[in-house]
Amino acid sequence: MSWRYMVKMLAGLLDRLKLFTVSRSEEGEDPLCVSLWHEFHKPPYGGGNQFMLALKDALVKRGVIVVSNIHSTRVHVHICNSAWFNTESFEKQSKRHTIKMIHRIDGPVSLYRGTGEEEDLKIHSINSRFASATVYQSEYCYKKSKELGYQAVAPLVIHNAVNSRIFNTHGRNSFSRDRKVRIISSAWSDNPRKGGPLFKWLDQHLDWNKFEYTFVGRVKQSFKHIKHIPPQDSSKLAELLRQHDIYISASKHEPCSNALLEALACGLPALHRNDGGNPELVGSGGLPFEDKQDILQQLEKLVAEYEMYQSAIVVRSMDEVAGQYLQLAHQLVKSKP
């Protein structure tokens, strides 16, 4: 038996012990108990995993009893992350009693991966059968899903957020034009739609007398000038972000980039592809670009007016986002089955 399996089993046991502290009333009064459905992984891992970990932390701080991947009559609301959880177990256990489920949907998967229509069909099949309400992670997700003909149950939009205890501006390096401008990008996936080909182009065309560039994560391309660092855990990534000046997000059809949110939270104005949910997240805290034809010009403009764009960064706290999920959960508890 591996130690990872033993840790997982112990965590499941502790979660089940938590359920005995829940005294559920007919009115659904606190303490509220929420079951988060997701295949949790120790960071570094993908953005969805990062968000679910941060959401769990924020809900616990608000006094919510949080368990993972558990069905019980003592659970008031289930928050399920797309189809990235044990759906077979969920379906089997759901037959035992009525559930109330908040379903988080990103994507469409077929757009940001380039393949995966079957995943989109699976996600919306789960949604139609089990969801009481649907949270799209951006207006872009909602719009594109509707365009593809998917109709979700009671949809609304709640953007993601990051753990502000880790991703913040505390101790970040000050910007200076008396040294090279420090650029950084990050990605867990090496899917070319995350921007690898454009990073390669930048490696060949940036003015290296003026800039230095760090890429953190996984990428299929190799670089001559860009410093490539393997995936880092959240604390180390945050430290790296605070040592840099500008974040470049080159991903295509990205629904709600956690990597981009992490950079903004660390005080980096973003040069972002004018695509997906990026414009919603960045707002006035950076500049968009279309592709190779304008990225260098937009980068120069961002450097020239750096202080203005940095001061315009607005990031929502994880506590605020957790509050929106909590408000929705309370509404579902009070509603009739």
Foldseek 3Di string as FASTA:
>chain_A
DDPVVVVVVVLQVVLVVLLVVQDADLQRDDPAEEEEFADADADPDAPLNQLVVLLVVLCVVVVHRYHYPDDDPSHLEYEYEQPRGDVVSVVVSCVVDAHEYEYEDFDVPCFQQVDDPVSVVVRLVCQVPHYQEYEYQFVLRVVVCVVVPRDGHNYDYFHTAGALVQQAQPPFDDDDQVQAAEEEEEDADQRCLQPQVQVQVCLVDPDVRRHAYEYEYDHPDDHDGYHYHHGDGRNVVNNVLSHHAAYEGRHAQGAHHSRVNSSLRNQHQYEYAPHHRVCVQQPLLAHYDPGPVCSVVRVVVCVVPVVVSSVPRDGDHSNVSSVVVVVVSSVSSNDDD
